[in-house]
Amino acid sequence: MASRRALKAVLIDLSGTLHIEDAAVPGAQEALTRLRQAPVTVKFVTNTTKECKRTLFERLRRLNFDLQEQEIFTSLTAARNLLQQRAVRPLLLVEESALEDFTGLETSDPNAVVIGLAPEHFNYQTLNKAFRLILDGAPLIAIHKARYYKRKDGLALGPGPFVTGLEYATDTQATVVGKPEKAFFLEALRDLNCSPEEAVMIGDDARDDVGGAQNAGMLGILVKTGKYRPGDEGKINPPPHLMCDSFPEAVNHILENLLGYN
């Protein structure tokens, strides 16, 4: 870490870091505005699969965040890219609001199973259909395997437990496309003309945000908002580069210590 290059890019998680559903993390909008005044590129990277990129962008704009839709890189985008590369017909276990990001893909007579966060589909009948497809040779593709996430009413199960259940039942291994996969972070950086050693990631998930980014060669800053629980930092090795109470504090650290602003 001592030989790191000058910082060029900041990757920022969304849910739990900038906002929780329709409530912004206090001070996050102003902190983002301050970060944008620095000579770094900002990109938003998210495993959110509850809604398509357009809907997510509109939600963030309503919360007065300064961002553009093309600055958001989602695991839904990564999943669509993989489906097109493999030329498969997916059974899509995602919320209705996320289906827009898969428009144009052939889904009749499915020969692949794709799982995101889809509480309405996590029932016996649908999971059994997926189970039988996988037994017949269909690949299992997990948009991500998060154990849980933060809602307004508390923590809630993510897609990870359901993906793992299908893996166990079919004795197969899912292909994971979102965070914490190294390929996801490298793809997010690809159009920024930036190496991992020139980037930092801010997020509330020790494993998926910080651990994944650091395994890809970036610095990781863990914020104690969203899904963070005391002791999460001890679940990854190496530990986070830094822990902050919230996104605004993380921005202050970047400006003052990584970019040399006072």
C-alpha atoms as a PDB file:
ATOM      1  CA  MET A   1       0.000   0.000   0.000  1.00  0.00           C
ATOM      2  CA  ALA A   2       2.930   2.341   0.597  1.00  0.00           C
ATOM      3  CA  SER A   3       3.685   2.613  -3.131  1.00  0.00           C
ATOM      4  CA  ARG A   4       0.186   3.663  -4.147  1.00  0.00           C
ATOM      5  CA  ARG A   5      -0.261   6.129  -6.983  1.00  0.00           C
ATOM      6  CA  ALA A   6      -2.098   9.447  -6.855  1.00  0.00           C
ATOM      7  CA  LEU A   7      -5.840   9.027  -6.365  1.00  0.00           C
ATOM      8  CA  LYS A   8      -7.873   9.268  -9.584  1.00  0.00           C
ATOM      9  CA  ALA A   9     -11.253   7.723  -8.804  1.00  0.00           C
ATOM     10  CA  VAL A  10     -13.707   7.227  -5.957  1.00  0.00           C
ATOM     11  CA  LEU A  11     -16.231   4.391  -6.232  1.00  0.00           C
ATOM     12  CA  ILE A  12     -19.283   4.832  -4.014  1.00  0.00           C
ATOM     13  CA  ASP A  13     -21.864   2.282  -2.911  1.00  0.00           C
ATOM     14  CA  LEU A  14     -25.457   3.528  -2.901  1.00  0.00           C
ATOM     15  CA  SER A  15     -27.921   1.738  -0.595  1.00  0.00           C
ATOM     16  CA  GLY A  16     -26.744   2.025   3.005  1.00  0.00           C
ATOM     17  CA  THR A  17     -23.958   4.453   2.111  1.00  0.00           C
ATOM     18  CA  LEU A  18     -25.708   7.409   0.445  1.00  0.00           C
ATOM     19  CA  HIS A  19     -29.296   6.489   1.254  1.00  0.00           C
ATOM     20  CA  ILE A  20     -31.608   3.953   2.891  1.00  0.00           C
ATOM     21  CA  GLU A  21     -34.652   3.514   0.662  1.00  0.00           C
ATOM     22  CA  ASP A  22     -36.120   7.041   0.313  1.00  0.00           C
ATOM     23  CA  ALA A  23     -34.032   8.718   3.048  1.00  0.00           C
ATOM     24  CA  ALA A  24     -30.592  10.171   2.423  1.00  0.00           C
ATOM     25  CA  VAL A  25     -27.772   9.597   4.901  1.00  0.00           C
ATOM     26  CA  PRO A  26     -27.488  12.971   6.727  1.00  0.00           C
ATOM     27  CA  GLY A  27     -25.054  15.301   4.971  1.00  0.00           C
ATOM     28  CA  ALA A  28     -24.434  12.904   2.069  1.00  0.00           C
ATOM     29  CA  GLN A  29     -25.601  15.274  -0.691  1.00  0.00           C
ATOM     30  CA  GLU A  30     -23.331  18.087   0.472  1.00  0.00           C
ATOM     31  CA  ALA A  31     -20.398  15.706   0.897  1.00  0.00           C
ATOM     32  CA  LEU A  32     -20.838  14.416  -2.660  1.00  0.00           C
ATOM     33  CA  THR A  33     -20.866  17.988  -3.960  1.00  0.00           C
ATOM     34  CA  ARG A  34     -17.586  18.691  -2.124  1.00  0.00           C
ATOM     35  CA  LEU A  35     -16.021  15.521  -3.500  1.00  0.00           C
ATOM     36  CA  ARG A  36     -16.978  16.512  -7.044  1.00  0.00           C
ATOM     37  CA  GLN A  37     -15.007  19.734  -6.667  1.00  0.00           C
ATOM     38  CA  ALA A  38     -11.810  17.682  -6.239  1.00  0.00           C
ATOM     39  CA  PRO A  39      -9.763  16.371  -9.209  1.00  0.00           C
ATOM     40  CA  VAL A  40     -11.132  12.800  -9.030  1.00  0.00           C
ATOM     41  CA  THR A  41     -13.693  10.867 -11.047  1.00  0.00           C
ATOM     42  CA  VAL A  42     -16.738   9.636  -9.139  1.00  0.00           C
ATOM     43  CA  LYS A  43     -18.615   6.464 -10.015  1.00  0.00           C
ATOM     44  CA  PHE A  44     -21.479   4.744  -8.213  1.00  0.00           C
ATOM     45  CA  VAL A  45     -21.332   0.954  -7.961  1.00  0.00           C
ATOM     46  CA  THR A  46     -24.236  -0.999  -6.580  1.00  0.00           C
ATOM     47  CA  ASN A  47     -25.539  -4.524  -6.107  1.00  0.00           C
ATOM     48  CA  THR A  48     -29.092  -3.186  -5.867  1.00  0.00           C
ATOM     49  CA  THR A  49     -31.403  -5.469  -7.826  1.00  0.00           C
ATOM     50  CA  LYS A  50     -34.764  -4.262  -6.478  1.00  0.00           C
ATOM     51  CA  GLU A  51     -35.145  -1.779  -9.327  1.00  0.00           C
ATOM     52  CA  CYS A  52     -33.703  -0.941 -12.727  1.00  0.00           C
ATOM     53  CA  LYS A  53     -30.958   1.641 -13.141  1.00  0.00           C
ATOM     54  CA  ARG A  54     -33.379   4.312 -14.403  1.00  0.00           C
ATOM     55  CA  THR A  55     -35.668   3.991 -11.372  1.00  0.00           C
ATOM     56  CA  LEU A  56     -32.690   4.012  -9.014  1.00  0.00           C
ATOM     57  CA  PHE A  57     -31.326   7.135 -10.693  1.00  0.00           C
ATOM     58  CA  GLU A  58     -34.697   8.890 -10.396  1.00  0.00           C
ATOM     59  CA  ARG A  59     -34.891   7.971  -6.700  1.00  0.00           C
ATOM     60  CA  LEU A  60     -31.447   9.488  -6.074  1.00  0.00           C
ATOM     61  CA  ARG A  61     -32.281  12.643  -8.031  1.00  0.00           C
ATOM     62  CA  ARG A  62     -35.414  13.093  -5.908  1.00  0.00           C
ATOM     63  CA  LEU A  63     -33.123  12.973  -2.878  1.00  0.00           C
ATOM     64  CA  ASN A  64     -31.112  15.822  -4.461  1.00  0.00           C
ATOM     65  CA  PHE A  65     -27.972  13.834  -5.221  1.00  0.00           C
ATOM     66  CA  ASP A  66     -25.765  15.317  -7.954  1.00  0.00           C
ATOM     67  CA  LEU A  67     -25.216  12.414 -10.353  1.00  0.00           C
ATOM     68  CA  GLN A  68     -25.849  11.236 -13.905  1.00  0.00           C
ATOM     69  CA  GLU A  69     -27.429   7.927 -14.889  1.00  0.00           C
ATOM     70  CA  GLN A  70     -24.326   6.881 -16.854  1.00  0.00           C
ATOM     71  CA  GLU A  71     -22.245   7.230 -13.673  1.00  0.00           C
ATOM     72  CA  ILE A  72     -24.100   4.298 -12.093  1.00  0.00           C
ATOM     73  CA  PHE A  73     -22.688   0.800 -12.640  1.00  0.00           C
ATOM     74  CA  THR A  74     -24.992  -1.926 -11.388  1.00  0.00           C
ATOM     75  CA  SER A  75     -24.768  -5.674 -10.946  1.00  0.00           C
ATOM     76  CA  LEU A  76     -27.871  -5.866 -13.161  1.00  0.00           C
ATOM     77  CA  THR A  77     -25.795  -4.419 -16.009  1.00  0.00           C
ATOM     78  CA  ALA A  78     -23.030  -6.922 -15.333  1.00  0.00           C
ATOM     79  CA  ALA A  79     -25.570  -9.772 -15.299  1.00  0.00           C
ATOM     80  CA  ARG A  80     -27.115  -8.701 -18.611  1.00  0.00           C
ATOM     81  CA  ASN A  81     -23.644  -8.514 -20.186  1.00  0.00           C
ATOM     82  CA  LEU A  82     -22.897 -12.077 -19.034  1.00  0.00           C
ATOM     83  CA  LEU A  83     -26.229 -13.403 -20.338  1.00  0.00           C
ATOM     84  CA  GLN A  84     -25.558 -11.860 -23.743  1.00  0.00           C
ATOM     85  CA  GLN A  85     -22.027 -13.285 -23.826  1.00  0.00           C
ATOM     86  CA  ARG A  86     -23.322 -16.773 -23.025  1.00  0.00           C
ATOM     87  CA  ALA A  87     -26.357 -16.452 -25.335  1.00  0.00           C
ATOM     88  CA  VAL A  88     -28.681 -18.114 -22.820  1.00  0.00           C
ATOM     89  CA  ARG A  89     -32.398 -17.694 -22.067  1.00  0.00           C
ATOM     90  CA  PRO A  90     -32.769 -16.819 -18.390  1.00  0.00           C
ATOM     91  CA  LEU A  91     -35.406 -17.595 -15.815  1.00  0.00           C
ATOM     92  CA  LEU A  92     -35.232 -14.164 -14.150  1.00  0.00           C
ATOM     93  CA  LEU A  93     -35.835 -14.228 -10.406  1.00  0.00           C
ATOM     94  CA  VAL A  94     -35.757 -10.456  -9.993  1.00  0.00           C
ATOM     95  CA  GLU A  95     -38.327  -7.873  -8.996  1.00  0.00           C
ATOM     96  CA  GLU A  96     -40.697  -6.576 -11.662  1.00  0.00           C
ATOM     97  CA  SER A  97     -39.136  -3.142 -11.276  1.00  0.00           C
ATOM     98  CA  ALA A  98     -35.731  -4.541 -12.322  1.00  0.00           C
ATOM     99  CA  LEU A  99     -36.912  -6.281 -15.507  1.00  0.00           C
ATOM    100  CA  GLU A 100     -36.397  -3.144 -17.612  1.00  0.00           C
ATOM    101  CA  ASP A 101     -32.630  -3.736 -17.524  1.00  0.00           C
ATOM    102  CA  PHE A 102     -33.170  -7.102 -19.248  1.00  0.00           C
ATOM    103  CA  THR A 103     -35.417  -5.815 -22.040  1.00  0.00           C
ATOM    104  CA  GLY A 104     -34.812  -7.583 -25.340  1.00  0.00           C
ATOM    105  CA  LEU A 105     -33.419 -10.811 -23.898  1.00  0.00           C
ATOM    106  CA  GLU A 106     -35.178 -14.033 -24.905  1.00  0.00           C
ATOM    107  CA  THR A 107     -36.698 -15.638 -21.786  1.00  0.00           C
ATOM    108  CA  SER A 108     -39.052 -18.303 -23.200  1.00  0.00           C
ATOM    109  CA  ASP A 109     -38.083 -21.910 -22.546  1.00  0.00           C
ATOM    110  CA  PRO A 110     -35.312 -20.845 -20.116  1.00  0.00           C
ATOM    111  CA  ASN A 111     -31.976 -22.655 -19.980  1.00  0.00           C
ATOM    112  CA  ALA A 112     -30.324 -20.534 -17.266  1.00  0.00           C
ATOM    113  CA  VAL A 113     -31.346 -19.308 -13.815  1.00  0.00           C
ATOM    114  CA  VAL A 114     -30.630 -15.729 -12.695  1.00  0.00           C
ATOM    115  CA  ILE A 115     -31.261 -14.662  -9.105  1.00  0.00           C
ATOM    116  CA  GLY A 116     -31.305 -11.172  -7.652  1.00  0.00           C
ATOM    117  CA  LEU A 117     -33.231  -9.771  -4.706  1.00  0.00           C
ATOM    118  CA  ALA A 118     -36.781 -10.918  -5.442  1.00  0.00           C
ATOM    119  CA  PRO A 119     -38.892 -11.434  -2.297  1.00  0.00           C
ATOM    120  CA  GLU A 120     -42.035 -11.991  -4.400  1.00  0.00           C
ATOM    121  CA  HIS A 121     -40.350 -14.922  -6.187  1.00  0.00           C
ATOM    122  CA  PHE A 122     -38.728 -16.569  -3.185  1.00  0.00           C
ATOM    123  CA  ASN A 123     -41.467 -19.141  -2.732  1.00  0.00           C
ATOM    124  CA  TYR A 124     -41.378 -22.929  -2.947  1.00  0.00           C
ATOM    125  CA  GLN A 125     -42.960 -23.215  -6.387  1.00  0.00           C
ATOM    126  CA  THR A 126     -40.606 -20.761  -8.107  1.00  0.00           C
ATOM    127  CA  LEU A 127     -37.471 -21.966  -6.327  1.00  0.00           C
ATOM    128  CA  ASN A 128     -38.391 -25.558  -7.182  1.00  0.00           C
ATOM    129  CA  LYS A 129     -38.709 -24.591 -10.853  1.00  0.00           C
ATOM    130  CA  ALA A 130     -35.223 -23.088 -10.667  1.00  0.00           C
ATOM    131  CA  PHE A 131     -33.971 -26.209  -8.871  1.00  0.00           C
ATOM    132  CA  ARG A 132     -35.228 -28.487 -11.659  1.00  0.00           C
ATOM    133  CA  LEU A 133     -33.724 -26.313 -14.397  1.00  0.00           C
ATOM    134  CA  ILE A 134     -30.331 -26.384 -12.688  1.00  0.00           C
ATOM    135  CA  LEU A 135     -30.538 -30.173 -12.275  1.00  0.00           C
ATOM    136  CA  ASP A 136     -31.140 -30.371 -16.033  1.00  0.00           C
ATOM    137  CA  GLY A 137     -27.909 -28.457 -16.663  1.00  0.00           C
ATOM    138  CA  ALA A 138     -28.944 -24.786 -16.570  1.00  0.00           C
ATOM    139  CA  PRO A 139     -26.203 -22.539 -15.148  1.00  0.00           C
ATOM    140  CA  LEU A 140     -27.008 -20.701 -11.899  1.00  0.00           C
ATOM    141  CA  ILE A 141     -26.095 -17.014 -12.108  1.00  0.00           C
ATOM    142  CA  ALA A 142     -26.260 -14.921  -8.948  1.00  0.00           C
ATOM    143  CA  ILE A 143     -26.448 -11.185  -9.502  1.00  0.00           C
ATOM    144  CA  HIS A 144     -24.905 -11.076  -6.036  1.00  0.00           C
ATOM    145  CA  LYS A 145     -24.874 -13.170  -2.853  1.00  0.00           C
ATOM    146  CA  ALA A 146     -25.400 -10.581  -0.136  1.00  0.00           C
ATOM    147  CA  ARG A 147     -26.520 -12.175   3.120  1.00  0.00           C
ATOM    148  CA  TYR A 148     -28.748  -9.254   4.124  1.00  0.00           C
ATOM    149  CA  TYR A 149     -29.379  -5.553   3.531  1.00  0.00           C
ATOM    150  CA  LYS A 150     -30.844  -2.605   5.430  1.00  0.00           C
ATOM    151  CA  ARG A 151     -34.450  -1.471   5.072  1.00  0.00           C
ATOM    152  CA  LYS A 152     -36.285   1.238   6.984  1.00  0.00           C
ATOM    153  CA  ASP A 153     -37.816  -1.427   9.231  1.00  0.00           C
ATOM    154  CA  GLY A 154     -34.497  -3.200   9.912  1.00  0.00           C
ATOM    155  CA  LEU A 155     -32.216  -5.813   8.350  1.00  0.00           C
ATOM    156  CA  ALA A 156     -33.719  -8.127   5.723  1.00  0.00           C
ATOM    157  CA  LEU A 157     -32.565 -11.286   3.962  1.00  0.00           C
ATOM    158  CA  GLY A 158     -30.666 -10.744   0.717  1.00  0.00           C
ATOM    159  CA  PRO A 159     -30.471 -13.155  -2.233  1.00  0.00           C
ATOM    160  CA  GLY A 160     -27.401 -14.946  -0.847  1.00  0.00           C
ATOM    161  CA  PRO A 161     -29.268 -17.439   1.377  1.00  0.00           C
ATOM    162  CA  PHE A 162     -31.519 -18.462  -1.533  1.00  0.00           C
ATOM    163  CA  VAL A 163     -28.622 -18.805  -3.977  1.00  0.00           C
ATOM    164  CA  THR A 164     -26.747 -20.895  -1.414  1.00  0.00           C
ATOM    165  CA  GLY A 165     -29.793 -23.091  -0.896  1.00  0.00           C
ATOM    166  CA  LEU A 166     -29.981 -23.834  -4.620  1.00  0.00           C
ATOM    167  CA  GLU A 167     -26.233 -24.500  -4.727  1.00  0.00           C
ATOM    168  CA  TYR A 168     -26.608 -26.958  -1.859  1.00  0.00           C
ATOM    169  CA  ALA A 169     -29.640 -28.709  -3.337  1.00  0.00           C
ATOM    170  CA  THR A 170     -28.135 -29.093  -6.817  1.00  0.00           C
ATOM    171  CA  ASP A 171     -24.486 -29.587  -5.809  1.00  0.00           C
ATOM    172  CA  THR A 172     -23.437 -26.780  -8.149  1.00  0.00           C
ATOM    173  CA  GLN A 173     -21.640 -23.463  -7.775  1.00  0.00           C
ATOM    174  CA  ALA A 174     -23.240 -20.202  -8.890  1.00  0.00           C
ATOM    175  CA  THR A 175     -21.448 -17.696 -11.077  1.00  0.00           C
ATOM    176  CA  VAL A 176     -21.533 -14.402  -9.147  1.00  0.00           C
ATOM    177  CA  VAL A 177     -21.405 -11.194 -11.191  1.00  0.00           C
ATOM    178  CA  GLY A 178     -21.727  -8.351  -8.657  1.00  0.00           C
ATOM    179  CA  LYS A 179     -19.660  -7.220  -5.697  1.00  0.00           C
ATOM    180  CA  PRO A 180     -17.385  -8.587  -4.215  1.00  0.00           C
ATOM    181  CA  GLU A 181     -16.186 -10.150  -7.487  1.00  0.00           C
ATOM    182  CA  LYS A 182     -12.891  -8.689  -8.736  1.00  0.00           C
ATOM    183  CA  ALA A 183     -14.204  -8.609 -12.309  1.00  0.00           C
ATOM    184  CA  PHE A 184     -17.069  -6.324 -11.239  1.00  0.00           C
ATOM    185  CA  PHE A 185     -14.702  -3.709  -9.788  1.00  0.00           C
ATOM    186  CA  LEU A 186     -12.323  -3.891 -12.763  1.00  0.00           C
ATOM    187  CA  GLU A 187     -15.237  -3.444 -15.165  1.00  0.00           C
ATOM    188  CA  ALA A 188     -16.405  -0.407 -13.164  1.00  0.00           C
ATOM    189  CA  LEU A 189     -12.946   1.162 -13.546  1.00  0.00           C
ATOM    190  CA  ARG A 190     -12.462   0.199 -17.182  1.00  0.00           C
ATOM    191  CA  ASP A 191     -13.834   3.372 -18.785  1.00  0.00           C
ATOM    192  CA  LEU A 192     -12.207   5.671 -16.192  1.00  0.00           C
ATOM    193  CA  ASN A 193      -8.630   5.163 -17.430  1.00  0.00           C
ATOM    194  CA  CYS A 194      -7.751   4.249 -13.868  1.00  0.00           C
ATOM    195  CA  SER A 195      -5.969   1.323 -12.236  1.00  0.00           C
ATOM    196  CA  PRO A 196      -7.198  -0.201  -8.945  1.00  0.00           C
ATOM    197  CA  GLU A 197      -4.174   1.287  -7.166  1.00  0.00           C
ATOM    198  CA  GLU A 198      -5.483   4.738  -8.126  1.00  0.00           C
ATOM    199  CA  ALA A 199      -8.971   4.201  -6.693  1.00  0.00           C
ATOM    200  CA  VAL A 200     -10.797   4.036  -3.372  1.00  0.00           C
ATOM    201  CA  MET A 201     -14.146   2.395  -2.565  1.00  0.00           C
ATOM    202  CA  ILE A 202     -16.630   3.649   0.059  1.00  0.00           C
ATOM    203  CA  GLY A 203     -19.355   1.304   1.306  1.00  0.00           C
ATOM    204  CA  ASP A 204     -21.295  -0.109   4.259  1.00  0.00           C
ATOM    205  CA  ASP A 205     -20.692  -3.798   3.475  1.00  0.00           C
ATOM    206  CA  ALA A 206     -17.375  -5.067   4.849  1.00  0.00           C
ATOM    207  CA  ARG A 207     -17.259  -8.144   2.624  1.00  0.00           C
ATOM    208  CA  ASP A 208     -18.850  -7.029  -0.625  1.00  0.00           C
ATOM    209  CA  ASP A 209     -17.796  -3.368  -0.793  1.00  0.00           C
ATOM    210  CA  VAL A 210     -14.543  -3.092   1.133  1.00  0.00           C
ATOM    211  CA  GLY A 211     -13.211  -6.640   1.004  1.00  0.00           C
ATOM    212  CA  GLY A 212     -14.008  -6.980  -2.687  1.00  0.00           C
ATOM    213  CA  ALA A 213     -12.429  -3.639  -3.583  1.00  0.00           C
ATOM    214  CA  GLN A 214      -9.288  -4.320  -1.582  1.00  0.00           C
ATOM    215  CA  ASN A 215      -8.931  -7.776  -3.142  1.00  0.00           C
ATOM    216  CA  ALA A 216      -9.022  -5.986  -6.509  1.00  0.00           C
ATOM    217  CA  GLY A 217      -6.185  -3.676  -5.437  1.00  0.00           C
ATOM    218  CA  MET A 218      -8.128  -0.629  -4.267  1.00  0.00           C
ATOM    219  CA  LEU A 219      -8.325   1.038  -0.870  1.00  0.00           C
ATOM    220  CA  GLY A 220     -11.573   0.421   1.027  1.00  0.00           C
ATOM    221  CA  ILE A 221     -13.368   2.723   3.448  1.00  0.00           C
ATOM    222  CA  LEU A 222     -16.086   1.127   5.590  1.00  0.00           C
ATOM    223  CA  VAL A 223     -18.878   3.405   6.800  1.00  0.00           C
ATOM    224  CA  LYS A 224     -20.931   2.618   9.906  1.00  0.00           C
ATOM    225  CA  THR A 225     -24.313   3.289   8.285  1.00  0.00           C
ATOM    226  CA  GLY A 226     -26.771   1.022   6.466  1.00  0.00           C
ATOM    227  CA  LYS A 227     -26.132  -2.662   7.101  1.00  0.00           C
ATOM    228  CA  TYR A 228     -22.950  -2.148   9.139  1.00  0.00           C
ATOM    229  CA  ARG A 229     -22.888  -3.983  12.476  1.00  0.00           C
ATOM    230  CA  PRO A 230     -20.164  -3.684  15.138  1.00  0.00           C
ATOM    231  CA  GLY A 231     -17.395  -6.150  14.429  1.00  0.00           C
ATOM    232  CA  ASP A 232     -17.982  -6.345  10.652  1.00  0.00           C
ATOM    233  CA  GLU A 233     -14.496  -4.948  10.075  1.00  0.00           C
ATOM    234  CA  GLY A 234     -13.024  -8.098  11.634  1.00  0.00           C
ATOM    235  CA  LYS A 235     -14.664 -10.306   8.980  1.00  0.00           C
ATOM    236  CA  ILE A 236     -12.221  -9.359   6.222  1.00  0.00           C
ATOM    237  CA  ASN A 237      -8.462  -9.656   5.823  1.00  0.00           C
ATOM    238  CA  PRO A 238      -6.800  -7.273   5.303  1.00  0.00           C
ATOM    239  CA  PRO A 239      -9.027  -5.033   7.424  1.00  0.00           C
ATOM    240  CA  PRO A 240     -10.506  -1.841   5.956  1.00  0.00           C
ATOM    241  CA  HIS A 241      -8.053   0.906   5.090  1.00  0.00           C
ATOM    242  CA  LEU A 242     -10.255   3.153   7.209  1.00  0.00           C
ATOM    243  CA  MET A 243     -13.530   3.128   9.134  1.00  0.00           C
ATOM    244  CA  CYS A 244     -15.765   6.196   9.222  1.00  0.00           C
ATOM    245  CA  ASP A 245     -19.050   6.966  10.926  1.00  0.00           C
ATOM    246  CA  SER A 246     -20.648   8.015   7.642  1.00  0.00           C
ATOM    247  CA  PHE A 247     -20.095   9.021   4.012  1.00  0.00           C
ATOM    248  CA  PRO A 248     -19.410  12.706   4.833  1.00  0.00           C
ATOM    249  CA  GLU A 249     -16.593  11.656   7.189  1.00  0.00           C
ATOM    250  CA  ALA A 250     -15.158   9.405   4.484  1.00  0.00           C
ATOM    251  CA  VAL A 251     -15.168  12.307   2.030  1.00  0.00           C
ATOM    252  CA  ASN A 252     -13.391  14.499   4.583  1.00  0.00           C
ATOM    253  CA  HIS A 253     -10.672  11.857   4.934  1.00  0.00           C
ATOM    254  CA  ILE A 254     -10.226  11.578   1.167  1.00  0.00           C
ATOM    255  CA  LEU A 255     -10.002  15.339   0.693  1.00  0.00           C
ATOM    256  CA  GLU A 256      -7.655  15.926   3.612  1.00  0.00           C
ATOM    257  CA  ASN A 257      -5.463  12.808   3.596  1.00  0.00           C
ATOM    258  CA  LEU A 258      -5.568  11.228   0.145  1.00  0.00           C
ATOM    259  CA  LEU A 259      -5.760  14.432  -1.902  1.00  0.00           C
ATOM    260  CA  GLY A 260      -4.055  16.835   0.491  1.00  0.00           C
ATOM    261  CA  TYR A 261      -6.900  19.359   0.761  1.00  0.00           C
ATOM    262  CA  ASN A 262      -7.289  21.334   3.989  1.00  0.00           C
END
